[in-house]
Amino acid sequence: MSRIGNAPVSIPSGVEVSMADGVIRVKGSKGELVQSIDSCISVKIEDGNVNFSRESDHKDHRSKHGLYRSLVNNMVEGVSKGYQTKQELVGVGYRAAVQGQKLELALGYSHNVLFEIPAEVKITAEQERGKNPIITLESHDKQLIGAVAAKIRSLRKPEPYKGKGIKFVGEQIRRKAGKSAAKK
């Protein structure tokens, strides 16, 4: 029994949810999102809630039941509140600058890295003296903001010895001890 799939998704005021031809549309103040729903899952929109049910207890149907409920819940939350991700650049000389929808990163390579940001994502870079630069991503699409953040992080993953690299704010990096001195 899917506990997540059985929970209804409440629709806040200012958000419209519509279903047609196996495609669910969620429209709100931050934007509009579209998701196709598998035919084994039925969707009912009534009384300010979206309810999901499956046609059988097949393993595939059970897994999709909770999946689509979570996806629609993320869509509703995204178009009403939005999502935000912060990343920190840890390392001497690491810098970030934003020009329109391009992010320019100095990450210790011989050349700066230029990264194109999708139009749905708003990006800012702040740099205070004596602190690590912080990149802030904001969007209404949780999947897109996660993919962009993961791609930025992959440009220079945090390494375990000094902790240098791009990490999420609040992320704990597992540190390793370096080489120990030779025994005499």
C-alpha atoms as a PDB file:
ATOM      1  CA  MET A   1       0.000   0.000   0.000  1.00  0.00           C
ATOM      2  CA  SER A   2       1.440   3.367  -1.015  1.00  0.00           C
ATOM      3  CA  ARG A   3       1.184   5.762   1.889  1.00  0.00           C
ATOM      4  CA  ILE A   4       2.523   8.691  -0.137  1.00  0.00           C
ATOM      5  CA  GLY A   5       0.291   7.991  -3.146  1.00  0.00           C
ATOM      6  CA  ASN A   6      -2.845   7.878  -0.978  1.00  0.00           C
ATOM      7  CA  ALA A   7      -2.240  11.324   0.543  1.00  0.00           C
ATOM      8  CA  PRO A   8      -4.094  14.052  -1.378  1.00  0.00           C
ATOM      9  CA  VAL A   9      -2.235  17.069  -2.789  1.00  0.00           C
ATOM     10  CA  SER A  10      -3.919  20.244  -1.547  1.00  0.00           C
ATOM     11  CA  ILE A  11      -4.176  23.077  -4.057  1.00  0.00           C
ATOM     12  CA  PRO A  12      -3.394  26.504  -2.526  1.00  0.00           C
ATOM     13  CA  SER A  13      -5.242  29.633  -3.652  1.00  0.00           C
ATOM     14  CA  GLY A  14      -3.863  31.143  -6.851  1.00  0.00           C
ATOM     15  CA  VAL A  15      -2.899  27.754  -8.312  1.00  0.00           C
ATOM     16  CA  GLU A  16      -4.837  26.082 -11.138  1.00  0.00           C
ATOM     17  CA  VAL A  17      -4.564  22.333 -11.775  1.00  0.00           C
ATOM     18  CA  SER A  18      -6.095  20.768 -14.890  1.00  0.00           C
ATOM     19  CA  MET A  19      -5.950  17.273 -16.396  1.00  0.00           C
ATOM     20  CA  ALA A  20      -6.504  16.416 -20.064  1.00  0.00           C
ATOM     21  CA  ASP A  21      -5.357  13.507 -22.286  1.00  0.00           C
ATOM     22  CA  GLY A  22      -3.015  12.019 -19.666  1.00  0.00           C
ATOM     23  CA  VAL A  23      -1.230  15.348 -19.108  1.00  0.00           C
ATOM     24  CA  ILE A  24      -1.537  17.378 -15.912  1.00  0.00           C
ATOM     25  CA  ARG A  25      -0.956  21.159 -16.022  1.00  0.00           C
ATOM     26  CA  VAL A  26      -0.214  23.255 -12.953  1.00  0.00           C
ATOM     27  CA  LYS A  27      -0.307  27.036 -13.313  1.00  0.00           C
ATOM     28  CA  GLY A  28       0.550  29.543 -10.586  1.00  0.00           C
ATOM     29  CA  SER A  29       2.101  32.932  -9.919  1.00  0.00           C
ATOM     30  CA  LYS A  30       5.690  31.689 -10.506  1.00  0.00           C
ATOM     31  CA  GLY A  31       4.979  29.886 -13.809  1.00  0.00           C
ATOM     32  CA  GLU A  32       3.446  26.825 -15.444  1.00  0.00           C
ATOM     33  CA  LEU A  33       4.544  23.185 -15.356  1.00  0.00           C
ATOM     34  CA  VAL A  34       3.386  20.165 -17.377  1.00  0.00           C
ATOM     35  CA  GLN A  35       3.738  16.451 -16.533  1.00  0.00           C
ATOM     36  CA  SER A  36       2.443  13.417 -18.429  1.00  0.00           C
ATOM     37  CA  ILE A  37       0.795  10.781 -16.224  1.00  0.00           C
ATOM     38  CA  ASP A  38       0.924   7.034 -16.946  1.00  0.00           C
ATOM     39  CA  SER A  39      -2.406   5.423 -17.906  1.00  0.00           C
ATOM     40  CA  CYS A  40      -2.293   3.048 -14.915  1.00  0.00           C
ATOM     41  CA  ILE A  41      -2.739   6.007 -12.527  1.00  0.00           C
ATOM     42  CA  SER A  42      -6.058   7.874 -12.405  1.00  0.00           C
ATOM     43  CA  VAL A  43      -6.228  11.490 -11.214  1.00  0.00           C
ATOM     44  CA  LYS A  44      -9.263  13.223  -9.690  1.00  0.00           C
ATOM     45  CA  ILE A  45      -9.306  16.966  -9.032  1.00  0.00           C
ATOM     46  CA  GLU A  46     -12.057  17.853  -6.541  1.00  0.00           C
ATOM     47  CA  ASP A  47     -12.661  20.097  -3.492  1.00  0.00           C
ATOM     48  CA  GLY A  48      -9.263  21.830  -3.738  1.00  0.00           C
ATOM     49  CA  ASN A  49      -7.396  18.506  -3.671  1.00  0.00           C
ATOM     50  CA  VAL A  50      -5.767  16.239  -6.240  1.00  0.00           C
ATOM     51  CA  ASN A  51      -6.259  12.517  -5.509  1.00  0.00           C
ATOM     52  CA  PHE A  52      -4.356   9.651  -7.135  1.00  0.00           C
ATOM     53  CA  SER A  53      -5.397   6.015  -7.432  1.00  0.00           C
ATOM     54  CA  ARG A  54      -3.952   2.995  -9.245  1.00  0.00           C
ATOM     55  CA  GLU A  55      -5.752   0.288 -11.183  1.00  0.00           C
ATOM     56  CA  SER A  56      -4.031  -2.709  -9.526  1.00  0.00           C
ATOM     57  CA  ASP A  57      -1.482  -3.723  -6.904  1.00  0.00           C
ATOM     58  CA  HIS A  58       1.143  -4.660  -9.492  1.00  0.00           C
ATOM     59  CA  LYS A  59       4.651  -3.668  -8.368  1.00  0.00           C
ATOM     60  CA  ASP A  60       5.072  -1.201 -11.248  1.00  0.00           C
ATOM     61  CA  HIS A  61       1.691   0.437 -10.532  1.00  0.00           C
ATOM     62  CA  ARG A  62       2.472   0.757  -6.821  1.00  0.00           C
ATOM     63  CA  SER A  63       5.779   2.505  -7.533  1.00  0.00           C
ATOM     64  CA  LYS A  64       4.219   4.934 -10.018  1.00  0.00           C
ATOM     65  CA  HIS A  65       1.393   5.747  -7.580  1.00  0.00           C
ATOM     66  CA  GLY A  66       3.730   7.471  -5.115  1.00  0.00           C
ATOM     67  CA  LEU A  67       5.969   8.852  -7.863  1.00  0.00           C
ATOM     68  CA  TYR A  68       3.265  10.829  -9.673  1.00  0.00           C
ATOM     69  CA  ARG A  69       1.796  12.096  -6.408  1.00  0.00           C
ATOM     70  CA  SER A  70       5.240  13.429  -5.394  1.00  0.00           C
ATOM     71  CA  LEU A  71       5.872  14.971  -8.822  1.00  0.00           C
ATOM     72  CA  VAL A  72       2.533  16.820  -8.789  1.00  0.00           C
ATOM     73  CA  ASN A  73       3.095  17.940  -5.189  1.00  0.00           C
ATOM     74  CA  ASN A  74       6.504  19.370  -6.207  1.00  0.00           C
ATOM     75  CA  MET A  75       4.871  21.120  -9.173  1.00  0.00           C
ATOM     76  CA  VAL A  76       2.177  22.714  -6.985  1.00  0.00           C
ATOM     77  CA  GLU A  77       4.755  23.846  -4.428  1.00  0.00           C
ATOM     78  CA  GLY A  78       7.046  25.165  -7.180  1.00  0.00           C
ATOM     79  CA  VAL A  79       4.472  27.360  -8.924  1.00  0.00           C
ATOM     80  CA  SER A  80       3.231  28.764  -5.606  1.00  0.00           C
ATOM     81  CA  LYS A  81       6.444  29.181  -3.511  1.00  0.00           C
ATOM     82  CA  GLY A  82       9.354  28.296  -5.795  1.00  0.00           C
ATOM     83  CA  TYR A  83      12.615  26.516  -5.002  1.00  0.00           C
ATOM     84  CA  GLN A  84      16.031  27.846  -4.064  1.00  0.00           C
ATOM     85  CA  THR A  85      19.457  26.164  -3.968  1.00  0.00           C
ATOM     86  CA  LYS A  86      22.686  27.689  -2.661  1.00  0.00           C
ATOM     87  CA  GLN A  87      26.176  26.484  -3.554  1.00  0.00           C
ATOM     88  CA  GLU A  88      29.482  27.537  -2.037  1.00  0.00           C
ATOM     89  CA  LEU A  89      32.843  27.722  -3.836  1.00  0.00           C
ATOM     90  CA  VAL A  90      35.571  26.588  -1.425  1.00  0.00           C
ATOM     91  CA  GLY A  91      39.146  27.237  -2.535  1.00  0.00           C
ATOM     92  CA  VAL A  92      41.765  29.947  -2.865  1.00  0.00           C
ATOM     93  CA  GLY A  93      41.063  32.096  -5.943  1.00  0.00           C
ATOM     94  CA  TYR A  94      37.690  30.485  -6.711  1.00  0.00           C
ATOM     95  CA  ARG A  95      35.300  33.145  -8.037  1.00  0.00           C
ATOM     96  CA  ALA A  96      31.857  33.340  -9.621  1.00  0.00           C
ATOM     97  CA  ALA A  97      30.380  36.085 -11.801  1.00  0.00           C
ATOM     98  CA  VAL A  98      26.992  36.275 -13.523  1.00  0.00           C
ATOM     99  CA  GLN A  99      26.411  38.034 -16.859  1.00  0.00           C
ATOM    100  CA  GLY A 100      22.787  37.607 -17.917  1.00  0.00           C
ATOM    101  CA  GLN A 101      22.170  33.853 -18.119  1.00  0.00           C
ATOM    102  CA  LYS A 102      25.881  32.955 -18.197  1.00  0.00           C
ATOM    103  CA  LEU A 103      27.826  31.925 -15.130  1.00  0.00           C
ATOM    104  CA  GLU A 104      31.595  32.457 -15.280  1.00  0.00           C
ATOM    105  CA  LEU A 105      33.556  30.393 -12.772  1.00  0.00           C
ATOM    106  CA  ALA A 106      37.245  30.596 -11.858  1.00  0.00           C
ATOM    107  CA  LEU A 107      37.904  27.119 -10.409  1.00  0.00           C
ATOM    108  CA  GLY A 108      41.670  26.751 -10.572  1.00  0.00           C
ATOM    109  CA  TYR A 109      41.767  25.553 -14.177  1.00  0.00           C
ATOM    110  CA  SER A 110      43.919  27.322 -16.796  1.00  0.00           C
ATOM    111  CA  HIS A 111      40.804  29.030 -18.223  1.00  0.00           C
ATOM    112  CA  ASN A 112      37.578  30.245 -16.664  1.00  0.00           C
ATOM    113  CA  VAL A 113      34.552  27.970 -17.104  1.00  0.00           C
ATOM    114  CA  LEU A 114      31.495  29.496 -18.839  1.00  0.00           C
ATOM    115  CA  PHE A 115      28.209  27.804 -17.970  1.00  0.00           C
ATOM    116  CA  GLU A 116      24.916  28.587 -19.767  1.00  0.00           C
ATOM    117  CA  ILE A 117      21.917  28.711 -17.392  1.00  0.00           C
ATOM    118  CA  PRO A 118      18.409  27.817 -18.703  1.00  0.00           C
ATOM    119  CA  ALA A 119      15.920  30.711 -18.966  1.00  0.00           C
ATOM    120  CA  GLU A 120      13.623  29.230 -16.267  1.00  0.00           C
ATOM    121  CA  VAL A 121      16.375  29.492 -13.632  1.00  0.00           C
ATOM    122  CA  LYS A 122      17.313  32.801 -12.012  1.00  0.00           C
ATOM    123  CA  ILE A 123      20.916  32.950 -10.799  1.00  0.00           C
ATOM    124  CA  THR A 124      22.851  35.326  -8.541  1.00  0.00           C
ATOM    125  CA  ALA A 125      26.441  35.229  -7.298  1.00  0.00           C
ATOM    126  CA  GLU A 126      27.526  37.046  -4.158  1.00  0.00           C
ATOM    127  CA  GLN A 127      31.052  37.466  -2.954  1.00  0.00           C
ATOM    128  CA  GLU A 128      31.991  39.015   0.395  1.00  0.00           C
ATOM    129  CA  ARG A 129      35.538  39.779   1.401  1.00  0.00           C
ATOM    130  CA  GLY A 130      36.987  36.993   3.547  1.00  0.00           C
ATOM    131  CA  LYS A 131      34.140  34.575   2.756  1.00  0.00           C
ATOM    132  CA  ASN A 132      33.607  31.948   0.081  1.00  0.00           C
ATOM    133  CA  PRO A 133      31.569  32.984  -3.005  1.00  0.00           C
ATOM    134  CA  ILE A 134      27.956  31.755  -2.953  1.00  0.00           C
ATOM    135  CA  ILE A 135      25.852  30.944  -6.037  1.00  0.00           C
ATOM    136  CA  THR A 136      22.060  31.100  -5.556  1.00  0.00           C
ATOM    137  CA  LEU A 137      19.698  29.359  -8.009  1.00  0.00           C
ATOM    138  CA  GLU A 138      15.925  30.039  -7.971  1.00  0.00           C
ATOM    139  CA  SER A 139      13.215  28.410 -10.099  1.00  0.00           C
ATOM    140  CA  HIS A 140       9.699  26.999 -10.033  1.00  0.00           C
ATOM    141  CA  ASP A 141      10.846  23.653 -11.512  1.00  0.00           C
ATOM    142  CA  LYS A 142      12.420  21.383  -8.860  1.00  0.00           C
ATOM    143  CA  GLN A 143      13.768  18.875 -11.381  1.00  0.00           C
ATOM    144  CA  LEU A 144      15.449  21.545 -13.520  1.00  0.00           C
ATOM    145  CA  ILE A 145      17.024  23.410 -10.589  1.00  0.00           C
ATOM    146  CA  GLY A 146      18.389  20.115  -9.228  1.00  0.00           C
ATOM    147  CA  ALA A 147      19.877  19.176 -12.595  1.00  0.00           C
ATOM    148  CA  VAL A 148      21.512  22.604 -13.054  1.00  0.00           C
ATOM    149  CA  ALA A 149      22.906  22.546  -9.495  1.00  0.00           C
ATOM    150  CA  ALA A 150      24.313  19.037 -10.019  1.00  0.00           C
ATOM    151  CA  LYS A 151      25.939  20.084 -13.302  1.00  0.00           C
ATOM    152  CA  ILE A 152      27.568  23.136 -11.665  1.00  0.00           C
ATOM    153  CA  ARG A 153      28.812  20.953  -8.782  1.00  0.00           C
ATOM    154  CA  SER A 154      30.280  18.432 -11.256  1.00  0.00           C
ATOM    155  CA  LEU A 155      32.599  21.117 -12.667  1.00  0.00           C
ATOM    156  CA  ARG A 156      34.739  20.816  -9.508  1.00  0.00           C
ATOM    157  CA  LYS A 157      33.518  18.256  -6.967  1.00  0.00           C
ATOM    158  CA  PRO A 158      34.694  18.747  -3.367  1.00  0.00           C
ATOM    159  CA  GLU A 159      37.799  16.703  -2.661  1.00  0.00           C
ATOM    160  CA  PRO A 160      38.225  14.892   0.679  1.00  0.00           C
ATOM    161  CA  TYR A 161      41.690  16.160   1.720  1.00  0.00           C
ATOM    162  CA  LYS A 162      41.362  19.963   1.760  1.00  0.00           C
ATOM    163  CA  GLY A 163      37.633  20.222   1.000  1.00  0.00           C
ATOM    164  CA  LYS A 164      38.183  22.398  -2.087  1.00  0.00           C
ATOM    165  CA  GLY A 165      35.466  22.465  -4.737  1.00  0.00           C
ATOM    166  CA  ILE A 166      31.810  23.401  -5.225  1.00  0.00           C
ATOM    167  CA  LYS A 167      29.510  22.188  -2.452  1.00  0.00           C
ATOM    168  CA  PHE A 168      25.940  22.843  -1.389  1.00  0.00           C
ATOM    169  CA  VAL A 169      25.574  25.210   1.573  1.00  0.00           C
ATOM    170  CA  GLY A 170      25.237  23.037   4.673  1.00  0.00           C
ATOM    171  CA  GLU A 171      26.655  19.914   2.989  1.00  0.00           C
ATOM    172  CA  GLN A 172      29.091  17.915   5.107  1.00  0.00           C
ATOM    173  CA  ILE A 173      32.166  16.760   3.186  1.00  0.00           C
ATOM    174  CA  ARG A 174      33.745  13.538   4.442  1.00  0.00           C
ATOM    175  CA  ARG A 175      37.345  14.452   5.157  1.00  0.00           C
ATOM    176  CA  LYS A 176      40.362  12.136   5.046  1.00  0.00           C
ATOM    177  CA  ALA A 177      43.673  12.422   6.848  1.00  0.00           C
ATOM    178  CA  GLY A 178      46.633  13.051   4.574  1.00  0.00           C
ATOM    179  CA  LYS A 179      49.830  11.040   4.411  1.00  0.00           C
ATOM    180  CA  SER A 180      51.448  10.362   7.772  1.00  0.00           C
ATOM    181  CA  ALA A 181      55.159  10.959   8.251  1.00  0.00           C
ATOM    182  CA  ALA A 182      57.529   8.069   7.485  1.00  0.00           C
ATOM    183  CA  LYS A 183      58.581   5.970  10.494  1.00  0.00           C
ATOM    184  CA  LYS A 184      62.267   5.818  11.406  1.00  0.00           C
END
